[in-house]
All heavy atoms as atom14 arrays in JSON, in Angstrom:
{
  "sequence": "AKNIAYLQMNSLKPEDTAVYYCALEPNRIPGMC",
  "atom14_mask": [
    [1, 1, 1, 1, 1, 0, 0, 0, 0, 0, 0, 0, 0, 0],
    [1, 1, 1, 1, 1, 1, 1, 1, 1, 0, 0, 0, 0, 0],
    [1, 1, 1, 1, 1, 1, 1, 1, 0, 0, 0, 0, 0, 0],
    [1, 1, 1, 1, 1, 1, 1, 1, 0, 0, 0, 0, 0, 0],
    [1, 1, 1, 1, 1, 0, 0, 0, 0, 0, 0, 0, 0, 0],
    [1, 1, 1, 1, 1, 1, 1, 1, 1, 1, 1, 1, 0, 0],
    [1, 1, 1, 1, 1, 1, 1, 1, 0, 0, 0, 0, 0, 0],
    [1, 1, 1, 1, 1, 1, 1, 1, 1, 0, 0, 0, 0, 0],
    [1, 1, 1, 1, 1, 1, 1, 1, 0, 0, 0, 0, 0, 0],
    [1, 1, 1, 1, 1, 1, 1, 1, 0, 0, 0, 0, 0, 0],
    [1, 1, 1, 1, 1, 1, 0, 0, 0, 0, 0, 0, 0, 0],
    [1, 1, 1, 1, 1, 1, 1, 1, 0, 0, 0, 0, 0, 0],
    [1, 1, 1, 1, 1, 1, 1, 1, 1, 0, 0, 0, 0, 0],
    [1, 1, 1, 1, 1, 1, 1, 0, 0, 0, 0, 0, 0, 0],
    [1, 1, 1, 1, 1, 1, 1, 1, 1, 0, 0, 0, 0, 0],
    [1, 1, 1, 1, 1, 1, 1, 1, 0, 0, 0, 0, 0, 0],
    [1, 1, 1, 1, 1, 1, 1, 0, 0, 0, 0, 0, 0, 0],
    [1, 1, 1, 1, 1, 0, 0, 0, 0, 0, 0, 0, 0, 0],
    [1, 1, 1, 1, 1, 1, 1, 0, 0, 0, 0, 0, 0, 0],
    [1, 1, 1, 1, 1, 1, 1, 1, 1, 1, 1, 1, 0, 0],
    [1, 1, 1, 1, 1, 1, 1, 1, 1, 1, 1, 1, 0, 0],
    [1, 1, 1, 1, 1, 1, 0, 0, 0, 0, 0, 0, 0, 0],
    [1, 1, 1, 1, 1, 0, 0, 0, 0, 0, 0, 0, 0, 0],
    [1, 1, 1, 1, 1, 1, 1, 1, 0, 0, 0, 0, 0, 0],
    [1, 1, 1, 1, 1, 1, 1, 1, 1, 0, 0, 0, 0, 0],
    [1, 1, 1, 1, 1, 1, 1, 0, 0, 0, 0, 0, 0, 0],
    [1, 1, 1, 1, 1, 1, 1, 1, 0, 0, 0, 0, 0, 0],
    [1, 1, 1, 1, 1, 1, 1, 1, 1, 1, 1, 0, 0, 0],
    [1, 1, 1, 1, 1, 1, 1, 1, 0, 0, 0, 0, 0, 0],
    [1, 1, 1, 1, 1, 1, 1, 0, 0, 0, 0, 0, 0, 0],
    [1, 1, 1, 1, 0, 0, 0, 0, 0, 0, 0, 0, 0, 0],
    [1, 1, 1, 1, 1, 1, 1, 1, 0, 0, 0, 0, 0, 0],
    [1, 1, 1, 1, 1, 1, 0, 0, 0, 0, 0, 0, 0, 0]
  ],
  "atom14_positions": [
    [[0.82, -1.2, -0.02], [-0.02, 0.0, 0.0], [0.87, 1.25, 0.01], [0.49, 2.27, -0.56], [-0.92, 0.0, 1.21], [0.0, 0.0, 0.0], [0.0, 0.0, 0.0], [0.0, 0.0, 0.0], [0.0, 0.0, 0.0], [0.0, 0.0, 0.0], [0.0, 0.0, 0.0], [0.0, 0.0, 0.0], [0.0, 0.0, 0.0], [0.0, 0.0, 0.0]],
    [[2.02, 1.18, 0.65], [2.93, 2.34, 0.71], [4.04, 2.26, -0.31], [4.86, 3.16, -0.4], [3.51, 2.43, 2.11], [2.52, 2.75, 3.2], [3.18, 2.87, 4.58], [2.17, 3.19, 5.66], [2.84, 3.31, 6.98], [0.0, 0.0, 0.0], [0.0, 0.0, 0.0], [0.0, 0.0, 0.0], [0.0, 0.0, 0.0], [0.0, 0.0, 0.0]],
    [[4.09, 1.17, -1.05], [5.17, 0.97, -2.05], [6.56, 1.0, -1.41], [7.48, 1.61, -1.92], [5.08, 2.02, -3.15], [4.53, 1.44, -4.48], [3.7, 0.54, -4.43], [4.96, 2.0, -5.57], [0.0, 0.0, 0.0], [0.0, 0.0, 0.0], [0.0, 0.0, 0.0], [0.0, 0.0, 0.0], [0.0, 0.0, 0.0], [0.0, 0.0, 0.0]],
    [[6.67, 0.34, -0.29], [7.96, 0.33, 0.46], [8.27, -1.11, 0.87], [7.4, -1.87, 1.25], [7.91, 1.23, 1.71], [7.69, 2.68, 1.32], [9.18, 1.09, 2.52], [7.6, 3.64, 2.51], [0.0, 0.0, 0.0], [0.0, 0.0, 0.0], [0.0, 0.0, 0.0], [0.0, 0.0, 0.0], [0.0, 0.0, 0.0], [0.0, 0.0, 0.0]],
    [[9.56, -1.41, 0.83], [10.07, -2.7, 1.34], [11.08, -2.38, 2.44], [11.66, -1.29, 2.48], [10.76, -3.47, 0.22], [0.0, 0.0, 0.0], [0.0, 0.0, 0.0], [0.0, 0.0, 0.0], [0.0, 0.0, 0.0], [0.0, 0.0, 0.0], [0.0, 0.0, 0.0], [0.0, 0.0, 0.0], [0.0, 0.0, 0.0], [0.0, 0.0, 0.0]],
    [[11.2, -3.36, 3.34], [12.08, -3.16, 4.51], [13.02, -4.37, 4.67], [12.7, -5.47, 4.3], [11.27, -3.0, 5.77], [10.26, -1.91, 5.76], [8.93, -2.13, 5.47], [10.67, -0.59, 6.02], [8.01, -1.08, 5.46], [9.74, 0.49, 5.99], [8.44, 0.22, 5.71], [7.52, 1.25, 5.69], [0.0, 0.0, 0.0], [0.0, 0.0, 0.0]],
    [[14.12, -4.07, 5.28], [15.03, -5.15, 5.74], [15.41, -4.82, 7.2], [16.22, -3.89, 7.4], [16.25, -5.29, 4.89], [17.17, -6.47, 5.19], [16.42, -7.8, 4.87], [18.47, -6.42, 4.43], [0.0, 0.0, 0.0], [0.0, 0.0, 0.0], [0.0, 0.0, 0.0], [0.0, 0.0, 0.0], [0.0, 0.0, 0.0], [0.0, 0.0, 0.0]],
    [[14.83, -5.53, 8.13], [15.2, -5.32, 9.52], [16.41, -6.2, 9.83], [16.41, -7.4, 9.6], [14.03, -5.75, 10.44], [14.34, -5.66, 11.92], [14.51, -4.26, 12.39], [13.76, -3.36, 12.03], [15.53, -4.0, 13.23], [0.0, 0.0, 0.0], [0.0, 0.0, 0.0], [0.0, 0.0, 0.0], [0.0, 0.0, 0.0], [0.0, 0.0, 0.0]],
    [[17.46, -5.59, 10.3], [18.73, -6.26, 10.53], [19.07, -6.16, 12.04], [19.28, -5.07, 12.56], [19.84, -5.65, 9.68], [19.52, -5.6, 8.23], [20.91, -5.08, 7.2], [21.15, -3.42, 7.82], [0.0, 0.0, 0.0], [0.0, 0.0, 0.0], [0.0, 0.0, 0.0], [0.0, 0.0, 0.0], [0.0, 0.0, 0.0], [0.0, 0.0, 0.0]],
    [[19.11, -7.31, 12.69], [19.42, -7.35, 14.12], [20.72, -8.15, 14.31], [21.18, -8.84, 13.45], [18.31, -8.05, 14.88], [16.98, -7.3, 14.77], [16.94, -6.07, 14.66], [15.87, -8.06, 14.82], [0.0, 0.0, 0.0], [0.0, 0.0, 0.0], [0.0, 0.0, 0.0], [0.0, 0.0, 0.0], [0.0, 0.0, 0.0], [0.0, 0.0, 0.0]],
    [[21.29, -7.99, 15.5], [22.54, -8.7, 15.88], [23.59, -8.54, 14.81], [24.18, -9.52, 14.34], [22.21, -10.2, 16.1], [21.24, -10.37, 17.11], [0.0, 0.0, 0.0], [0.0, 0.0, 0.0], [0.0, 0.0, 0.0], [0.0, 0.0, 0.0], [0.0, 0.0, 0.0], [0.0, 0.0, 0.0], [0.0, 0.0, 0.0], [0.0, 0.0, 0.0]],
    [[23.79, -7.35, 14.38], [24.72, -7.05, 13.27], [26.12, -7.44, 13.64], [26.58, -7.28, 14.8], [24.57, -5.63, 12.81], [23.38, -5.36, 11.95], [23.02, -3.88, 11.95], [23.57, -5.86, 10.54], [0.0, 0.0, 0.0], [0.0, 0.0, 0.0], [0.0, 0.0, 0.0], [0.0, 0.0, 0.0], [0.0, 0.0, 0.0], [0.0, 0.0, 0.0]],
    [[26.85, -7.92, 12.62], [28.23, -8.33, 12.79], [29.12, -7.54, 11.81], [28.66, -7.04, 10.8], [28.35, -9.84, 12.45], [27.4, -10.73, 13.24], [27.53, -12.16, 12.79], [26.59, -13.07, 13.59], [26.73, -14.47, 13.13], [0.0, 0.0, 0.0], [0.0, 0.0, 0.0], [0.0, 0.0, 0.0], [0.0, 0.0, 0.0], [0.0, 0.0, 0.0]],
    [[30.41, -7.5, 12.09], [31.34, -6.78, 11.16], [31.23, -7.34, 9.74], [31.37, -6.55, 8.78], [32.7, -7.06, 11.79], [32.44, -7.2, 13.24], [31.1, -7.9, 13.33], [0.0, 0.0, 0.0], [0.0, 0.0, 0.0], [0.0, 0.0, 0.0], [0.0, 0.0, 0.0], [0.0, 0.0, 0.0], [0.0, 0.0, 0.0], [0.0, 0.0, 0.0]],
    [[31.01, -8.65, 9.6], [30.9, -9.19, 8.26], [29.63, -8.8, 7.49], [29.49, -9.1, 6.31], [31.04, -10.73, 8.3], [30.11, -11.37, 9.29], [30.79, -11.68, 10.59], [31.53, -10.81, 11.12], [30.58, -12.79, 11.17], [0.0, 0.0, 0.0], [0.0, 0.0, 0.0], [0.0, 0.0, 0.0], [0.0, 0.0, 0.0], [0.0, 0.0, 0.0]],
    [[28.75, -8.08, 8.15], [27.58, -7.56, 7.47], [27.89, -6.19, 6.83], [27.04, -5.65, 6.09], [26.42, -7.33, 8.46], [25.91, -8.68, 9.03], [25.8, -9.63, 8.29], [25.64, -8.72, 10.26], [0.0, 0.0, 0.0], [0.0, 0.0, 0.0], [0.0, 0.0, 0.0], [0.0, 0.0, 0.0], [0.0, 0.0, 0.0], [0.0, 0.0, 0.0]],
    [[29.05, -5.68, 7.04], [29.42, -4.39, 6.42], [29.45, -4.52, 4.93], [30.07, -5.37, 4.34], [30.82, -3.98, 6.92], [30.77, -3.74, 8.32], [31.3, -2.72, 6.22], [0.0, 0.0, 0.0], [0.0, 0.0, 0.0], [0.0, 0.0, 0.0], [0.0, 0.0, 0.0], [0.0, 0.0, 0.0], [0.0, 0.0, 0.0], [0.0, 0.0, 0.0]],
    [[28.68, -3.62, 4.28], [28.53, -3.64, 2.83], [27.66, -2.51, 2.39], [26.98, -1.84, 3.25], [27.94, -4.98, 2.35], [0.0, 0.0, 0.0], [0.0, 0.0, 0.0], [0.0, 0.0, 0.0], [0.0, 0.0, 0.0], [0.0, 0.0, 0.0], [0.0, 0.0, 0.0], [0.0, 0.0, 0.0], [0.0, 0.0, 0.0], [0.0, 0.0, 0.0]],
    [[27.59, -2.29, 1.11], [26.55, -1.44, 0.54], [25.35, -2.36, 0.23], [25.5, -3.42, -0.38], [26.99, -0.74, -0.75], [25.83, 0.06, -1.36], [28.18, 0.15, -0.45], [0.0, 0.0, 0.0], [0.0, 0.0, 0.0], [0.0, 0.0, 0.0], [0.0, 0.0, 0.0], [0.0, 0.0, 0.0], [0.0, 0.0, 0.0], [0.0, 0.0, 0.0]],
    [[24.17, -1.97, 0.69], [22.96, -2.77, 0.55], [22.08, -2.16, -0.53], [21.83, -0.96, -0.53], [22.21, -2.83, 1.87], [22.81, -3.84, 2.85], [24.03, -3.51, 3.46], [22.25, -5.05, 3.1], [24.64, -4.4, 4.34], [22.83, -5.94, 4.0], [24.03, -5.62, 4.58], [24.61, -6.52, 5.44], [0.0, 0.0, 0.0], [0.0, 0.0, 0.0]],
    [[21.62, -3.03, -1.42], [20.78, -2.61, -2.52], [19.43, -3.34, -2.51], [19.37, -4.53, -2.18], [21.45, -2.97, -3.86], [22.81, -2.37, -4.06], [23.98, -3.01, -3.64], [22.95, -1.14, -4.77], [25.21, -2.45, -3.84], [24.2, -0.61, -4.97], [25.32, -1.28, -4.49], [26.56, -0.72, -4.71], [0.0, 0.0, 0.0], [0.0, 0.0, 0.0]],
    [[18.4, -2.63, -2.87], [17.14, -3.32, -3.13], [16.93, -3.42, -4.63], [17.49, -2.65, -5.43], [15.96, -2.6, -2.46], [15.57, -0.96, -3.03], [0.0, 0.0, 0.0], [0.0, 0.0, 0.0], [0.0, 0.0, 0.0], [0.0, 0.0, 0.0], [0.0, 0.0, 0.0], [0.0, 0.0, 0.0], [0.0, 0.0, 0.0], [0.0, 0.0, 0.0]],
    [[16.14, -4.39, -5.06], [15.97, -4.63, -6.42], [14.56, -5.2, -6.7], [13.97, -5.83, -5.77], [17.04, -5.61, -6.99], [0.0, 0.0, 0.0], [0.0, 0.0, 0.0], [0.0, 0.0, 0.0], [0.0, 0.0, 0.0], [0.0, 0.0, 0.0], [0.0, 0.0, 0.0], [0.0, 0.0, 0.0], [0.0, 0.0, 0.0], [0.0, 0.0, 0.0]],
    [[14.04, -5.04, -7.9], [12.72, -5.52, -8.25], [12.82, -6.51, -9.42], [13.62, -6.34, -10.33], [11.8, -4.4, -8.71], [11.54, -3.26, -7.67], [10.47, -2.37, -8.29], [11.02, -3.84, -6.36], [0.0, 0.0, 0.0], [0.0, 0.0, 0.0], [0.0, 0.0, 0.0], [0.0, 0.0, 0.0], [0.0, 0.0, 0.0], [0.0, 0.0, 0.0]],
    [[11.98, -7.51, -9.32], [11.88, -8.54, -10.37], [10.36, -8.72, -10.68], [9.59, -8.81, -9.79], [12.47, -9.82, -9.87], [12.54, -10.97, -10.89], [11.3, -11.84, -10.88], [10.9, -12.26, -9.77], [10.75, -12.08, -11.98], [0.0, 0.0, 0.0], [0.0, 0.0, 0.0], [0.0, 0.0, 0.0], [0.0, 0.0, 0.0], [0.0, 0.0, 0.0]],
    [[10.02, -8.69, -12.0], [8.56, -8.61, -12.33], [7.86, -9.98, -12.22], [7.15, -10.39, -13.1], [8.58, -8.14, -13.79], [9.92, -8.64, -14.32], [10.86, -8.54, -13.19], [0.0, 0.0, 0.0], [0.0, 0.0, 0.0], [0.0, 0.0, 0.0], [0.0, 0.0, 0.0], [0.0, 0.0, 0.0], [0.0, 0.0, 0.0], [0.0, 0.0, 0.0]],
    [[8.07, -10.65, -11.1], [7.25, -11.8, -10.73], [7.19, -12.85, -11.85], [6.08, -13.36, -12.18], [5.83, -11.34, -10.36], [5.08, -12.38, -9.57], [5.64, -13.17, -8.84], [3.78, -12.41, -9.76], [0.0, 0.0, 0.0], [0.0, 0.0, 0.0], [0.0, 0.0, 0.0], [0.0, 0.0, 0.0], [0.0, 0.0, 0.0], [0.0, 0.0, 0.0]],
    [[8.34, -13.16, -12.42], [8.35, -14.11, -13.53], [7.9, -15.52, -13.08], [7.38, -16.3, -13.86], [9.74, -14.2, -14.14], [10.15, -12.93, -14.85], [11.49, -13.1, -15.51], [11.88, -11.91, -16.29], [12.54, -10.89, -15.82], [12.98, -10.95, -14.58], [12.84, -9.86, -16.58], [0.0, 0.0, 0.0], [0.0, 0.0, 0.0], [0.0, 0.0, 0.0]],
    [[8.16, -15.85, -11.83], [7.67, -17.1, -11.28], [6.72, -16.76, -10.15], [7.16, -16.56, -9.02], [8.86, -17.97, -10.78], [9.91, -18.17, -11.88], [8.31, -19.31, -10.29], [11.12, -18.9, -11.45], [0.0, 0.0, 0.0], [0.0, 0.0, 0.0], [0.0, 0.0, 0.0], [0.0, 0.0, 0.0], [0.0, 0.0, 0.0], [0.0, 0.0, 0.0]],
    [[5.43, -16.72, -10.45], [4.47, -16.29, -9.4], [4.56, -17.06, -8.14], [4.72, -18.28, -8.12], [3.12, -16.52, -10.1], [3.41, -16.4, -11.55], [4.8, -17.02, -11.71], [0.0, 0.0, 0.0], [0.0, 0.0, 0.0], [0.0, 0.0, 0.0], [0.0, 0.0, 0.0], [0.0, 0.0, 0.0], [0.0, 0.0, 0.0], [0.0, 0.0, 0.0]],
    [[4.57, -16.33, -7.03], [4.6, -16.97, -5.73], [5.97, -17.37, -5.2], [6.09, -17.85, -4.1], [0.0, 0.0, 0.0], [0.0, 0.0, 0.0], [0.0, 0.0, 0.0], [0.0, 0.0, 0.0], [0.0, 0.0, 0.0], [0.0, 0.0, 0.0], [0.0, 0.0, 0.0], [0.0, 0.0, 0.0], [0.0, 0.0, 0.0], [0.0, 0.0, 0.0]],
    [[6.97, -17.09, -5.99], [8.34, -17.49, -5.63], [9.26, -16.27, -5.62], [8.9, -15.21, -6.08], [8.89, -18.5, -6.6], [8.06, -19.75, -6.74], [8.03, -20.76, -5.25], [9.73, -21.37, -5.32], [0.0, 0.0, 0.0], [0.0, 0.0, 0.0], [0.0, 0.0, 0.0], [0.0, 0.0, 0.0], [0.0, 0.0, 0.0], [0.0, 0.0, 0.0]],
    [[10.41, -16.44, -5.02], [11.47, -15.43, -5.13], [12.8, -16.14, -5.04], [12.93, -17.22, -4.49], [11.32, -14.31, -4.06], [11.76, -14.78, -2.41], [0.0, 0.0, 0.0], [0.0, 0.0, 0.0], [0.0, 0.0, 0.0], [0.0, 0.0, 0.0], [0.0, 0.0, 0.0], [0.0, 0.0, 0.0], [0.0, 0.0, 0.0], [0.0, 0.0, 0.0]]
  ]
}
């Protein structure tokens, strides 16, 4: 409804350091990702 996605990240570790990207895929396989 808001056209927003989230990624909640808890218990973060040094190895999680990175640039994080979101991306869209036009549902080529319905119901899957």
